[in-house]
């Protein structure tokens, strides 16, 4: 991911540095909480649609646990989407497919709204 930023003409080397710093900050802020949080207990039900995206080669997030959570989750709508050529960052590793899903979700969301 950082390599992509370093070689893409749209980004400067400083953008790469800022991204690395942001990733480090986020990891330090979020990881302790994620290790203590059990979504099976704290969030078994959502009142909004839930979309779980998993890269087939993601070794940071255990796919079996994510799928077990998806199966027990109660939500008005839910989808579990596999990205077959991705690891932890499908939005960067399969951007076209990710974009298709974002468009689909947007269309579903807008079509489900009721007029005022």
PDB file of N, CA and C in Angstrom:
ATOM      1  N   UNK A   1       0.821  -1.181   0.000  1.00  0.00           N
ATOM      2  CA  UNK A   1       0.000   0.000   0.000  1.00  0.00           C
ATOM      3  C   UNK A   1       0.869   1.249   0.000  1.00  0.00           C
ATOM      4  N   UNK A   2       1.843   1.307   0.892  1.00  0.00           N
ATOM      5  CA  UNK A   2       2.725   2.476   0.927  1.00  0.00           C
ATOM      6  C   UNK A   2       3.519   2.560  -0.367  1.00  0.00           C
ATOM      7  N   UNK A   3       3.927   1.399  -0.905  1.00  0.00           N
ATOM      8  CA  UNK A   3       4.657   1.386  -2.169  1.00  0.00           C
ATOM      9  C   UNK A   3       3.824   2.058  -3.259  1.00  0.00           C
ATOM     10  N   UNK A   4       2.522   1.768  -3.283  1.00  0.00           N
ATOM     11  CA  UNK A   4       1.641   2.379  -4.269  1.00  0.00           C
ATOM     12  C   UNK A   4       1.621   3.889  -4.164  1.00  0.00           C
ATOM     13  N   UNK A   5       1.639   4.386  -2.955  1.00  0.00           N
ATOM     14  CA  UNK A   5       1.656   5.836  -2.759  1.00  0.00           C
ATOM     15  C   UNK A   5       2.994   6.417  -3.204  1.00  0.00           C
ATOM     16  N   UNK A   6       4.064   5.691  -2.930  1.00  0.00           N
ATOM     17  CA  UNK A   6       5.387   6.204  -3.275  1.00  0.00           C
ATOM     18  C   UNK A   6       5.622   6.258  -4.781  1.00  0.00           C
ATOM     19  N   UNK A   7       4.967   5.392  -5.550  1.00  0.00           N
ATOM     20  CA  UNK A   7       5.187   5.389  -6.999  1.00  0.00           C
ATOM     21  C   UNK A   7       4.078   6.098  -7.776  1.00  0.00           C
ATOM     22  N   UNK A   8       2.957   6.381  -7.152  1.00  0.00           N
ATOM     23  CA  UNK A   8       1.854   7.054  -7.845  1.00  0.00           C
ATOM     24  C   UNK A   8       2.176   8.534  -8.020  1.00  0.00           C
ATOM     25  N   UNK A   9       1.987   9.060  -9.223  1.00  0.00           N
ATOM     26  CA  UNK A   9       2.315  10.471  -9.467  1.00  0.00           C
ATOM     27  C   UNK A   9       1.420  11.439  -8.701  1.00  0.00           C
ATOM     28  N   UNK A  10       0.272  10.962  -8.226  1.00  0.00           N
ATOM     29  CA  UNK A  10      -0.654  11.848  -7.509  1.00  0.00           C
ATOM     30  C   UNK A  10      -0.189  12.177  -6.096  1.00  0.00           C
ATOM     31  N   UNK A  11       0.773  11.416  -5.590  1.00  0.00           N
ATOM     32  CA  UNK A  11       1.216  11.588  -4.208  1.00  0.00           C
ATOM     33  C   UNK A  11       2.689  11.968  -4.147  1.00  0.00           C
ATOM     34  N   UNK A  12       3.027  12.729  -3.128  1.00  0.00           N
ATOM     35  CA  UNK A  12       4.428  13.091  -2.891  1.00  0.00           C
ATOM     36  C   UNK A  12       5.023  12.128  -1.867  1.00  0.00           C
ATOM     37  N   UNK A  13       6.339  12.187  -1.705  1.00  0.00           N
ATOM     38  CA  UNK A  13       6.993  11.352  -0.686  1.00  0.00           C
ATOM     39  C   UNK A  13       6.466  11.732   0.690  1.00  0.00           C
ATOM     40  N   UNK A  14       6.127  13.010   0.866  1.00  0.00           N
ATOM     41  CA  UNK A  14       5.615  13.464   2.153  1.00  0.00           C
ATOM     42  C   UNK A  14       4.243  12.842   2.448  1.00  0.00           C
ATOM     43  N   UNK A  15       3.429  12.647   1.406  1.00  0.00           N
ATOM     44  CA  UNK A  15       2.147  11.959   1.598  1.00  0.00           C
ATOM     45  C   UNK A  15       2.374  10.550   2.136  1.00  0.00           C
ATOM     46  N   UNK A  16       3.404   9.870   1.627  1.00  0.00           N
ATOM     47  CA  UNK A  16       3.742   8.534   2.121  1.00  0.00           C
ATOM     48  C   UNK A  16       4.142   8.558   3.582  1.00  0.00           C
ATOM     49  N   UNK A  17       4.924   9.561   3.953  1.00  0.00           N
ATOM     50  CA  UNK A  17       5.342   9.707   5.351  1.00  0.00           C
ATOM     51  C   UNK A  17       4.121   9.958   6.235  1.00  0.00           C
ATOM     52  N   UNK A  18       3.242  10.862   5.793  1.00  0.00           N
ATOM     53  CA  UNK A  18       2.040  11.164   6.578  1.00  0.00           C
ATOM     54  C   UNK A  18       1.140   9.935   6.715  1.00  0.00           C
ATOM     55  N   UNK A  19       1.045   9.147   5.651  1.00  0.00           N
ATOM     56  CA  UNK A  19       0.225   7.943   5.731  1.00  0.00           C
ATOM     57  C   UNK A  19       0.810   6.954   6.728  1.00  0.00           C
ATOM     58  N   UNK A  20       2.113   6.761   6.679  1.00  0.00           N
ATOM     59  CA  UNK A  20       2.759   5.842   7.626  1.00  0.00           C
ATOM     60  C   UNK A  20       2.555   6.326   9.060  1.00  0.00           C
ATOM     61  N   UNK A  21       2.684   7.628   9.275  1.00  0.00           N
ATOM     62  CA  UNK A  21       2.472   8.175  10.617  1.00  0.00           C
ATOM     63  C   UNK A  21       1.017   7.990  11.056  1.00  0.00           C
ATOM     64  N   UNK A  22       0.086   8.200  10.133  1.00  0.00           N
ATOM     65  CA  UNK A  22      -1.327   8.016  10.452  1.00  0.00           C
ATOM     66  C   UNK A  22      -1.654   6.569  10.775  1.00  0.00           C
ATOM     67  N   UNK A  23      -1.066   5.650  10.007  1.00  0.00           N
ATOM     68  CA  UNK A  23      -1.280   4.228  10.288  1.00  0.00           C
ATOM     69  C   UNK A  23      -0.765   3.862  11.674  1.00  0.00           C
ATOM     70  N   UNK A  24       0.396   4.376  12.009  1.00  0.00           N
ATOM     71  CA  UNK A  24       0.983   4.093  13.320  1.00  0.00           C
ATOM     72  C   UNK A  24       0.106   4.664  14.435  1.00  0.00           C
ATOM     73  N   UNK A  25      -0.339   5.903  14.259  1.00  0.00           N
ATOM     74  CA  UNK A  25      -1.204   6.531  15.256  1.00  0.00           C
ATOM     75  C   UNK A  25      -2.483   5.718  15.443  1.00  0.00           C
ATOM     76  N   UNK A  26      -3.121   5.351  14.325  1.00  0.00           N
ATOM     77  CA  UNK A  26      -4.376   4.598  14.398  1.00  0.00           C
ATOM     78  C   UNK A  26      -4.180   3.250  15.077  1.00  0.00           C
ATOM     79  N   UNK A  27      -3.107   2.560  14.715  1.00  0.00           N
ATOM     80  CA  UNK A  27      -2.846   1.251  15.326  1.00  0.00           C
ATOM     81  C   UNK A  27      -2.678   1.386  16.830  1.00  0.00           C
ATOM     82  N   UNK A  28      -1.936   2.381  17.265  1.00  0.00           N
ATOM     83  CA  UNK A  28      -1.723   2.574  18.702  1.00  0.00           C
ATOM     84  C   UNK A  28      -3.011   2.963  19.423  1.00  0.00           C
ATOM     85  N   UNK A  29      -3.885   3.698  18.740  1.00  0.00           N
ATOM     86  CA  UNK A  29      -5.129   4.144  19.364  1.00  0.00           C
ATOM     87  C   UNK A  29      -6.205   3.061  19.355  1.00  0.00           C
ATOM     88  N   UNK A  30      -6.221   2.239  18.320  1.00  0.00           N
ATOM     89  CA  UNK A  30      -7.317   1.289  18.130  1.00  0.00           C
ATOM     90  C   UNK A  30      -7.011  -0.112  18.644  1.00  0.00           C
ATOM     91  N   UNK A  31      -5.809  -0.598  18.432  1.00  0.00           N
ATOM     92  CA  UNK A  31      -5.508  -1.995  18.757  1.00  0.00           C
ATOM     93  C   UNK A  31      -5.826  -2.400  20.188  1.00  0.00           C
ATOM     94  N   UNK A  32      -5.473  -1.597  21.188  1.00  0.00           N
ATOM     95  CA  UNK A  32      -5.817  -2.028  22.555  1.00  0.00           C
ATOM     96  C   UNK A  32      -7.321  -2.241  22.740  1.00  0.00           C
ATOM     97  N   UNK A  33      -8.132  -1.381  22.126  1.00  0.00           N
ATOM     98  CA  UNK A  33      -9.585  -1.528  22.249  1.00  0.00           C
ATOM     99  C   UNK A  33     -10.090  -2.749  21.496  1.00  0.00           C
ATOM    100  N   UNK A  34      -9.537  -3.012  20.315  1.00  0.00           N
ATOM    101  CA  UNK A  34     -10.027  -4.156  19.541  1.00  0.00           C
ATOM    102  C   UNK A  34      -9.681  -5.472  20.219  1.00  0.00           C
ATOM    103  N   UNK A  35      -8.572  -5.506  20.918  1.00  0.00           N
ATOM    104  CA  UNK A  35      -8.194  -6.730  21.618  1.00  0.00           C
ATOM    105  C   UNK A  35      -9.113  -7.013  22.801  1.00  0.00           C
ATOM    106  N   UNK A  36      -9.735  -5.966  23.343  1.00  0.00           N
ATOM    107  CA  UNK A  36     -10.614  -6.119  24.502  1.00  0.00           C
ATOM    108  C   UNK A  36     -12.089  -6.216  24.116  1.00  0.00           C
ATOM    109  N   UNK A  37     -12.415  -5.976  22.846  1.00  0.00           N
ATOM    110  CA  UNK A  37     -13.807  -5.913  22.418  1.00  0.00           C
ATOM    111  C   UNK A  37     -14.257  -7.237  21.817  1.00  0.00           C
ATOM    112  N   UNK A  38     -15.402  -7.696  22.265  1.00  0.00           N
ATOM    113  CA  UNK A  38     -16.007  -8.905  21.732  1.00  0.00           C
ATOM    114  C   UNK A  38     -17.324  -8.502  21.073  1.00  0.00           C
ATOM    115  N   UNK A  39     -17.319  -8.368  19.752  1.00  0.00           N
ATOM    116  CA  UNK A  39     -18.515  -7.920  19.047  1.00  0.00           C
ATOM    117  C   UNK A  39     -19.677  -8.889  19.183  1.00  0.00           C
ATOM    118  N   UNK A  40     -19.388 -10.154  19.412  1.00  0.00           N
ATOM    119  CA  UNK A  40     -20.460 -11.125  19.622  1.00  0.00           C
ATOM    120  C   UNK A  40     -21.303 -10.728  20.835  1.00  0.00           C
ATOM    121  N   UNK A  41     -20.667 -10.094  21.815  1.00  0.00           N
ATOM    122  CA  UNK A  41     -21.348  -9.692  23.049  1.00  0.00           C
ATOM    123  C   UNK A  41     -21.804  -8.242  22.976  1.00  0.00           C
ATOM    124  N   UNK A  42     -20.920  -7.353  22.525  1.00  0.00           N
ATOM    125  CA  UNK A  42     -21.222  -5.920  22.573  1.00  0.00           C
ATOM    126  C   UNK A  42     -22.064  -5.422  21.405  1.00  0.00           C
ATOM    127  N   UNK A  43     -22.064  -6.118  20.280  1.00  0.00           N
ATOM    128  CA  UNK A  43     -22.812  -5.636  19.110  1.00  0.00           C
ATOM    129  C   UNK A  43     -23.449  -6.790  18.335  1.00  0.00           C
ATOM    130  N   UNK A  44     -24.337  -7.552  18.977  1.00  0.00           N
ATOM    131  CA  UNK A  44     -24.965  -8.665  18.264  1.00  0.00           C
ATOM    132  C   UNK A  44     -26.059  -8.213  17.294  1.00  0.00           C
ATOM    133  N   UNK A  45     -26.473  -6.952  17.424  1.00  0.00           N
ATOM    134  CA  UNK A  45     -27.550  -6.447  16.576  1.00  0.00           C
ATOM    135  C   UNK A  45     -27.257  -5.007  16.172  1.00  0.00           C
ATOM    136  N   UNK A  46     -27.533  -4.711  14.905  1.00  0.00           N
ATOM    137  CA  UNK A  46     -27.383  -3.358  14.369  1.00  0.00           C
ATOM    138  C   UNK A  46     -28.722  -2.922  13.795  1.00  0.00           C
ATOM    139  N   UNK A  47     -28.992  -1.640  13.849  1.00  0.00           N
ATOM    140  CA  UNK A  47     -30.236  -1.119  13.291  1.00  0.00           C
ATOM    141  C   UNK A  47     -30.041  -0.585  11.874  1.00  0.00           C
ATOM    142  N   UNK A  48     -28.855  -0.762  11.334  1.00  0.00           N
ATOM    143  CA  UNK A  48     -28.519  -0.318   9.980  1.00  0.00           C
ATOM    144  C   UNK A  48     -27.955  -1.506   9.199  1.00  0.00           C
ATOM    145  N   UNK A  49     -27.974  -1.430   7.870  1.00  0.00           N
ATOM    146  CA  UNK A  49     -27.355  -2.497   7.081  1.00  0.00           C
ATOM    147  C   UNK A  49     -25.862  -2.617   7.389  1.00  0.00           C
ATOM    148  N   UNK A  50     -25.356  -3.842   7.340  1.00  0.00           N
ATOM    149  CA  UNK A  50     -23.948  -4.117   7.650  1.00  0.00           C
ATOM    150  C   UNK A  50     -23.322  -4.856   6.472  1.00  0.00           C
ATOM    151  N   UNK A  51     -22.172  -4.371   6.039  1.00  0.00           N
ATOM    152  CA  UNK A  51     -21.423  -4.996   4.952  1.00  0.00           C
ATOM    153  C   UNK A  51     -20.042  -5.339   5.483  1.00  0.00           C
ATOM    154  N   UNK A  52     -19.692  -6.602   5.443  1.00  0.00           N
ATOM    155  CA  UNK A  52     -18.365  -7.034   5.881  1.00  0.00           C
ATOM    156  C   UNK A  52     -17.562  -7.429   4.651  1.00  0.00           C
ATOM    157  N   UNK A  53     -16.442  -6.765   4.448  1.00  0.00           N
ATOM    158  CA  UNK A  53     -15.556  -7.054   3.323  1.00  0.00           C
ATOM    159  C   UNK A  53     -14.330  -7.770   3.848  1.00  0.00           C
ATOM    160  N   UNK A  54     -14.022  -8.914   3.256  1.00  0.00           N
ATOM    161  CA  UNK A  54     -12.860  -9.700   3.695  1.00  0.00           C
ATOM    162  C   UNK A  54     -11.983 -10.047   2.505  1.00  0.00           C
ATOM    163  N   UNK A  55     -10.697  -9.795   2.661  1.00  0.00           N
ATOM    164  CA  UNK A  55      -9.740 -10.261   1.674  1.00  0.00           C
ATOM    165  C   UNK A  55      -9.426 -11.723   1.939  1.00  0.00           C
ATOM    166  N   UNK A  56      -9.416 -12.509   0.897  1.00  0.00           N
ATOM    167  CA  UNK A  56      -9.172 -13.949   1.044  1.00  0.00           C
ATOM    168  C   UNK A  56      -7.821 -14.231   1.695  1.00  0.00           C
ATOM    169  N   UNK A  57      -6.851 -13.325   1.533  1.00  0.00           N
ATOM    170  CA  UNK A  57      -5.511 -13.532   2.081  1.00  0.00           C
ATOM    171  C   UNK A  57      -5.225 -12.631   3.281  1.00  0.00           C
ATOM    172  N   UNK A  58      -6.285 -12.202   3.961  1.00  0.00           N
ATOM    173  CA  UNK A  58      -6.130 -11.333   5.132  1.00  0.00           C
ATOM    174  C   UNK A  58      -5.766 -12.184   6.342  1.00  0.00           C
ATOM    175  N   UNK A  59      -4.556 -11.992   6.832  1.00  0.00           N
ATOM    176  CA  UNK A  59      -4.121 -12.730   8.015  1.00  0.00           C
ATOM    177  C   UNK A  59      -4.137 -11.842   9.260  1.00  0.00           C
ATOM    178  N   UNK A  60      -4.598 -10.590   9.118  1.00  0.00           N
ATOM    179  CA  UNK A  60      -4.722  -9.695  10.266  1.00  0.00           C
ATOM    180  C   UNK A  60      -6.077  -9.869  10.943  1.00  0.00           C
ATOM    181  N   UNK A  61      -7.097 -10.158  10.151  1.00  0.00           N
ATOM    182  CA  UNK A  61      -8.448 -10.356  10.662  1.00  0.00           C
ATOM    183  C   UNK A  61      -8.857 -11.792  10.360  1.00  0.00           C
ATOM    184  N   UNK A  62      -9.044 -12.604  11.372  1.00  0.00           N
ATOM    185  CA  UNK A  62      -9.392 -14.014  11.134  1.00  0.00           C
ATOM    186  C   UNK A  62     -10.741 -14.142  10.416  1.00  0.00           C
ATOM    187  N   UNK A  63     -10.714 -14.661   9.200  1.00  0.00           N
ATOM    188  CA  UNK A  63     -11.933 -14.733   8.394  1.00  0.00           C
ATOM    189  C   UNK A  63     -12.983 -15.646   9.014  1.00  0.00           C
ATOM    190  N   UNK A  64     -12.556 -16.709   9.682  1.00  0.00           N
ATOM    191  CA  UNK A  64     -13.528 -17.611  10.299  1.00  0.00           C
ATOM    192  C   UNK A  64     -14.319 -16.892  11.385  1.00  0.00           C
ATOM    193  N   UNK A  65     -13.632 -16.085  12.173  1.00  0.00           N
ATOM    194  CA  UNK A  65     -14.299 -15.335  13.242  1.00  0.00           C
ATOM    195  C   UNK A  65     -15.227 -14.290  12.633  1.00  0.00           C
ATOM    196  N   UNK A  66     -14.751 -13.600  11.600  1.00  0.00           N
ATOM    197  CA  UNK A  66     -15.582 -12.591  10.942  1.00  0.00           C
ATOM    198  C   UNK A  66     -16.843 -13.222  10.362  1.00  0.00           C
ATOM    199  N   UNK A  67     -16.705 -14.386   9.744  1.00  0.00           N
ATOM    200  CA  UNK A  67     -17.875 -15.041   9.154  1.00  0.00           C
ATOM    201  C   UNK A  67     -18.827 -15.559  10.239  1.00  0.00           C
ATOM    202  N   UNK A  68     -18.290 -16.071  11.322  1.00  0.00           N
ATOM    203  CA  UNK A  68     -19.142 -16.500  12.439  1.00  0.00           C
ATOM    204  C   UNK A  68     -19.933 -15.314  12.991  1.00  0.00           C
ATOM    205  N   UNK A  69     -19.282 -14.157  13.095  1.00  0.00           N
ATOM    206  CA  UNK A  69     -19.971 -12.955  13.565  1.00  0.00           C
ATOM    207  C   UNK A  69     -21.074 -12.573  12.578  1.00  0.00           C
ATOM    208  N   UNK A  70     -20.752 -12.601  11.297  1.00  0.00           N
ATOM    209  CA  UNK A  70     -21.737 -12.274  10.265  1.00  0.00           C
ATOM    210  C   UNK A  70     -22.967 -13.180  10.372  1.00  0.00           C
ATOM    211  N   UNK A  71     -22.746 -14.472  10.558  1.00  0.00           N
ATOM    212  CA  UNK A  71     -23.863 -15.419  10.612  1.00  0.00           C
ATOM    213  C   UNK A  71     -24.792 -15.141  11.790  1.00  0.00           C
ATOM    214  N   UNK A  72     -24.247 -14.761  12.948  1.00  0.00           N
ATOM    215  CA  UNK A  72     -25.101 -14.541  14.120  1.00  0.00           C
ATOM    216  C   UNK A  72     -25.659 -13.120  14.192  1.00  0.00           C
ATOM    217  N   UNK A  73     -25.082 -12.218  13.436  1.00  0.00           N
ATOM    218  CA  UNK A  73     -25.460 -10.811  13.467  1.00  0.00           C
ATOM    219  C   UNK A  73     -26.900 -10.607  13.013  1.00  0.00           C
ATOM    220  N   UNK A  74     -27.608  -9.762  13.748  1.00  0.00           N
ATOM    221  CA  UNK A  74     -28.956  -9.365  13.354  1.00  0.00           C
ATOM    222  C   UNK A  74     -28.877  -7.935  12.828  1.00  0.00           C
ATOM    223  N   UNK A  75     -29.371  -7.743  11.606  1.00  0.00           N
ATOM    224  CA  UNK A  75     -29.364  -6.423  10.978  1.00  0.00           C
ATOM    225  C   UNK A  75     -30.463  -6.400   9.922  1.00  0.00           C
ATOM    226  N   UNK A  76     -30.976  -5.211   9.575  1.00  0.00           N
ATOM    227  CA  UNK A  76     -32.031  -5.142   8.561  1.00  0.00           C
ATOM    228  C   UNK A  76     -31.584  -5.729   7.217  1.00  0.00           C
ATOM    229  N   UNK A  77     -30.315  -5.618   6.924  1.00  0.00           N
ATOM    230  CA  UNK A  77     -29.710  -6.230   5.730  1.00  0.00           C
ATOM    231  C   UNK A  77     -28.243  -6.439   6.058  1.00  0.00           C
ATOM    232  N   UNK A  78     -27.665  -7.478   5.478  1.00  0.00           N
ATOM    233  CA  UNK A  78     -26.249  -7.720   5.720  1.00  0.00           C
ATOM    234  C   UNK A  78     -25.662  -8.488   4.545  1.00  0.00           C
ATOM    235  N   UNK A  79     -24.376  -8.244   4.303  1.00  0.00           N
ATOM    236  CA  UNK A  79     -23.653  -8.943   3.243  1.00  0.00           C
ATOM    237  C   UNK A  79     -22.246  -9.236   3.720  1.00  0.00           C
ATOM    238  N   UNK A  80     -21.766 -10.400   3.342  1.00  0.00           N
ATOM    239  CA  UNK A  80     -20.378 -10.793   3.607  1.00  0.00           C
ATOM    240  C   UNK A  80     -19.736 -10.955   2.238  1.00  0.00           C
ATOM    241  N   UNK A  81     -18.751 -10.126   1.941  1.00  0.00           N
ATOM    242  CA  UNK A  81     -18.175 -10.072   0.600  1.00  0.00           C
ATOM    243  C   UNK A  81     -16.719 -10.513   0.635  1.00  0.00           C
ATOM    244  N   UNK A  82     -16.406 -11.524  -0.162  1.00  0.00           N
ATOM    245  CA  UNK A  82     -15.022 -11.978  -0.292  1.00  0.00           C
ATOM    246  C   UNK A  82     -14.346 -11.241  -1.436  1.00  0.00           C
ATOM    247  N   UNK A  83     -13.153 -10.752  -1.182  1.00  0.00           N
ATOM    248  CA  UNK A  83     -12.285 -10.208  -2.225  1.00  0.00           C
ATOM    249  C   UNK A  83     -11.200 -11.247  -2.445  1.00  0.00           C
ATOM    250  N   UNK A  84     -11.305 -11.948  -3.556  1.00  0.00           N
ATOM    251  CA  UNK A  84     -10.498 -13.145  -3.790  1.00  0.00           C
ATOM    252  C   UNK A  84      -9.018 -12.871  -4.035  1.00  0.00           C
ATOM    253  N   UNK A  85      -8.660 -11.653  -4.412  1.00  0.00           N
ATOM    254  CA  UNK A  85      -7.250 -11.343  -4.682  1.00  0.00           C
ATOM    255  C   UNK A  85      -6.706 -10.295  -3.712  1.00  0.00           C
ATOM    256  N   UNK A  86      -7.290 -10.226  -2.531  1.00  0.00           N
ATOM    257  CA  UNK A  86      -6.899  -9.204  -1.564  1.00  0.00           C
ATOM    258  C   UNK A  86      -6.478  -9.820  -0.244  1.00  0.00           C
ATOM    259  N   UNK A  87      -5.763  -8.989   0.508  1.00  0.00           N
ATOM    260  CA  UNK A  87      -5.434  -9.334   1.883  1.00  0.00           C
ATOM    261  C   UNK A  87      -6.246  -8.391   2.777  1.00  0.00           C
ATOM    262  N   UNK A  88      -5.583  -7.503   3.511  1.00  0.00           N
ATOM    263  CA  UNK A  88      -6.264  -6.665   4.500  1.00  0.00           C
ATOM    264  C   UNK A  88      -6.840  -5.366   3.921  1.00  0.00           C
ATOM    265  N   UNK A  89      -6.457  -5.008   2.702  1.00  0.00           N
ATOM    266  CA  UNK A  89      -6.874  -3.719   2.144  1.00  0.00           C
ATOM    267  C   UNK A  89      -7.513  -3.875   0.765  1.00  0.00           C
ATOM    268  N   UNK A  90      -8.701  -4.490   0.673  1.00  0.00           N
ATOM    269  CA  UNK A  90      -9.310  -4.682  -0.645  1.00  0.00           C
ATOM    270  C   UNK A  90      -9.587  -3.376  -1.382  1.00  0.00           C
ATOM    271  N   UNK A  91      -9.764  -2.288  -0.656  1.00  0.00           N
ATOM    272  CA  UNK A  91     -10.021  -1.011  -1.321  1.00  0.00           C
ATOM    273  C   UNK A  91      -8.821  -0.559  -2.152  1.00  0.00           C
ATOM    274  N   UNK A  92      -7.624  -1.031  -1.801  1.00  0.00           N
ATOM    275  CA  UNK A  92      -6.425  -0.713  -2.569  1.00  0.00           C
ATOM    276  C   UNK A  92      -6.023  -1.863  -3.491  1.00  0.00           C
ATOM    277  N   UNK A  93      -6.292  -3.079  -3.071  1.00  0.00           N
ATOM    278  CA  UNK A  93      -5.830  -4.258  -3.805  1.00  0.00           C
ATOM    279  C   UNK A  93      -6.770  -4.664  -4.939  1.00  0.00           C
ATOM    280  N   UNK A  94      -8.052  -4.389  -4.784  1.00  0.00           N
ATOM    281  CA  UNK A  94      -9.038  -4.642  -5.834  1.00  0.00           C
ATOM    282  C   UNK A  94      -9.955  -3.424  -5.934  1.00  0.00           C
ATOM    283  N   UNK A  95      -9.396  -2.268  -6.326  1.00  0.00           N
ATOM    284  CA  UNK A  95     -10.172  -1.025  -6.276  1.00  0.00           C
ATOM    285  C   UNK A  95     -11.414  -1.020  -7.163  1.00  0.00           C
ATOM    286  N   UNK A  96     -11.373  -1.691  -8.304  1.00  0.00           N
ATOM    287  CA  UNK A  96     -12.550  -1.685  -9.179  1.00  0.00           C
ATOM    288  C   UNK A  96     -13.716  -2.434  -8.540  1.00  0.00           C
ATOM    289  N   UNK A  97     -13.446  -3.607  -8.005  1.00  0.00           N
ATOM    290  CA  UNK A  97     -14.496  -4.376  -7.341  1.00  0.00           C
ATOM    291  C   UNK A  97     -14.993  -3.648  -6.096  1.00  0.00           C
ATOM    292  N   UNK A  98     -14.073  -3.058  -5.350  1.00  0.00           N
ATOM    293  CA  UNK A  98     -14.463  -2.297  -4.167  1.00  0.00           C
ATOM    294  C   UNK A  98     -15.382  -1.140  -4.569  1.00  0.00           C
ATOM    295  N   UNK A  99     -15.021  -0.445  -5.634  1.00  0.00           N
ATOM    296  CA  UNK A  99     -15.833   0.671  -6.116  1.00  0.00           C
ATOM    297  C   UNK A  99     -17.218   0.198  -6.555  1.00  0.00           C
ATOM    298  N   UNK A 100     -17.277  -0.961  -7.207  1.00  0.00           N
ATOM    299  CA  UNK A 100     -18.577  -1.520  -7.598  1.00  0.00           C
ATOM    300  C   UNK A 100     -19.459  -1.749  -6.370  1.00  0.00           C
ATOM    301  N   UNK A 101     -18.867  -2.290  -5.312  1.00  0.00           N
ATOM    302  CA  UNK A 101     -19.636  -2.533  -4.091  1.00  0.00           C
ATOM    303  C   UNK A 101     -20.085  -1.223  -3.448  1.00  0.00           C
ATOM    304  N   UNK A 102     -19.225  -0.215  -3.447  1.00  0.00           N
ATOM    305  CA  UNK A 102     -19.618   1.073  -2.870  1.00  0.00           C
ATOM    306  C   UNK A 102     -20.779   1.676  -3.650  1.00  0.00           C
ATOM    307  N   UNK A 103     -20.735   1.553  -4.976  1.00  0.00           N
ATOM    308  CA  UNK A 103     -21.827   2.054  -5.811  1.00  0.00           C
ATOM    309  C   UNK A 103     -23.113   1.287  -5.521  1.00  0.00           C
ATOM    310  N   UNK A 104     -23.016  -0.027  -5.408  1.00  0.00           N
ATOM    311  CA  UNK A 104     -24.187  -0.858  -5.104  1.00  0.00           C
ATOM    312  C   UNK A 104     -24.790  -0.474  -3.755  1.00  0.00           C
ATOM    313  N   UNK A 105     -23.940  -0.299  -2.759  1.00  0.00           N
ATOM    314  CA  UNK A 105     -24.423   0.070  -1.423  1.00  0.00           C
ATOM    315  C   UNK A 105     -25.087   1.441  -1.458  1.00  0.00           C
ATOM    316  N   UNK A 106     -24.479   2.373  -2.163  1.00  0.00           N
ATOM    317  CA  UNK A 106     -25.057   3.713  -2.283  1.00  0.00           C
ATOM    318  C   UNK A 106     -26.433   3.636  -2.935  1.00  0.00           C
ATOM    319  N   UNK A 107     -26.535   2.882  -4.037  1.00  0.00           N
ATOM    320  CA  UNK A 107     -27.821   2.763  -4.731  1.00  0.00           C
ATOM    321  C   UNK A 107     -28.871   2.103  -3.845  1.00  0.00           C
ATOM    322  N   UNK A 108     -28.490   1.046  -3.135  1.00  0.00           N
ATOM    323  CA  UNK A 108     -29.432   0.377  -2.229  1.00  0.00           C
ATOM    324  C   UNK A 108     -29.882   1.323  -1.123  1.00  0.00           C
ATOM    325  N   UNK A 109     -28.943   2.084  -0.598  1.00  0.00           N
ATOM    326  CA  UNK A 109     -29.257   3.011   0.488  1.00  0.00           C
ATOM    327  C   UNK A 109     -30.203   4.105   0.015  1.00  0.00           C
ATOM    328  N   UNK A 110     -29.892   4.693  -1.134  1.00  0.00           N
ATOM    329  CA  UNK A 110     -30.738   5.770  -1.642  1.00  0.00           C
ATOM    330  C   UNK A 110     -32.122   5.262  -2.046  1.00  0.00           C
ATOM    331  N   UNK A 111     -32.196   4.065  -2.602  1.00  0.00           N
ATOM    332  CA  UNK A 111     -33.500   3.541  -3.031  1.00  0.00           C
ATOM    333  C   UNK A 111     -34.375   3.125  -1.845  1.00  0.00           C
ATOM    334  N   UNK A 112     -33.759   2.873  -0.706  1.00  0.00           N
ATOM    335  CA  UNK A 112     -34.546   2.449   0.460  1.00  0.00           C
ATOM    336  C   UNK A 112     -35.058   3.625   1.286  1.00  0.00           C
ATOM    337  N   UNK A 113     -34.593   4.811   0.971  1.00  0.00           N
ATOM    338  CA  UNK A 113     -35.065   5.993   1.706  1.00  0.00           C
ATOM    339  C   UNK A 113     -36.484   6.337   1.290  1.00  0.00           C
ATOM    340  N   UNK A 114     -37.233   6.828   2.242  1.00  0.00           N
ATOM    341  CA  UNK A 114     -38.588   7.274   1.927  1.00  0.00           C
ATOM    342  C   UNK A 114     -38.570   8.774   1.730  1.00  0.00           C
ATOM    343  N   UNK A 115     -39.399   9.242   0.848  1.00  0.00           N
ATOM    344  CA  UNK A 115     -39.468  10.679   0.580  1.00  0.00           C
ATOM    345  C   UNK A 115     -40.070  11.392   1.779  1.00  0.00           C
ATOM    346  N   UNK A 116     -39.612  12.620   2.048  1.00  0.00           N
ATOM    347  CA  UNK A 116     -40.158  13.378   3.194  1.00  0.00           C
ATOM    348  C   UNK A 116     -41.584  13.806   2.977  1.00  0.00           C
TER     349      UNK A 116
END
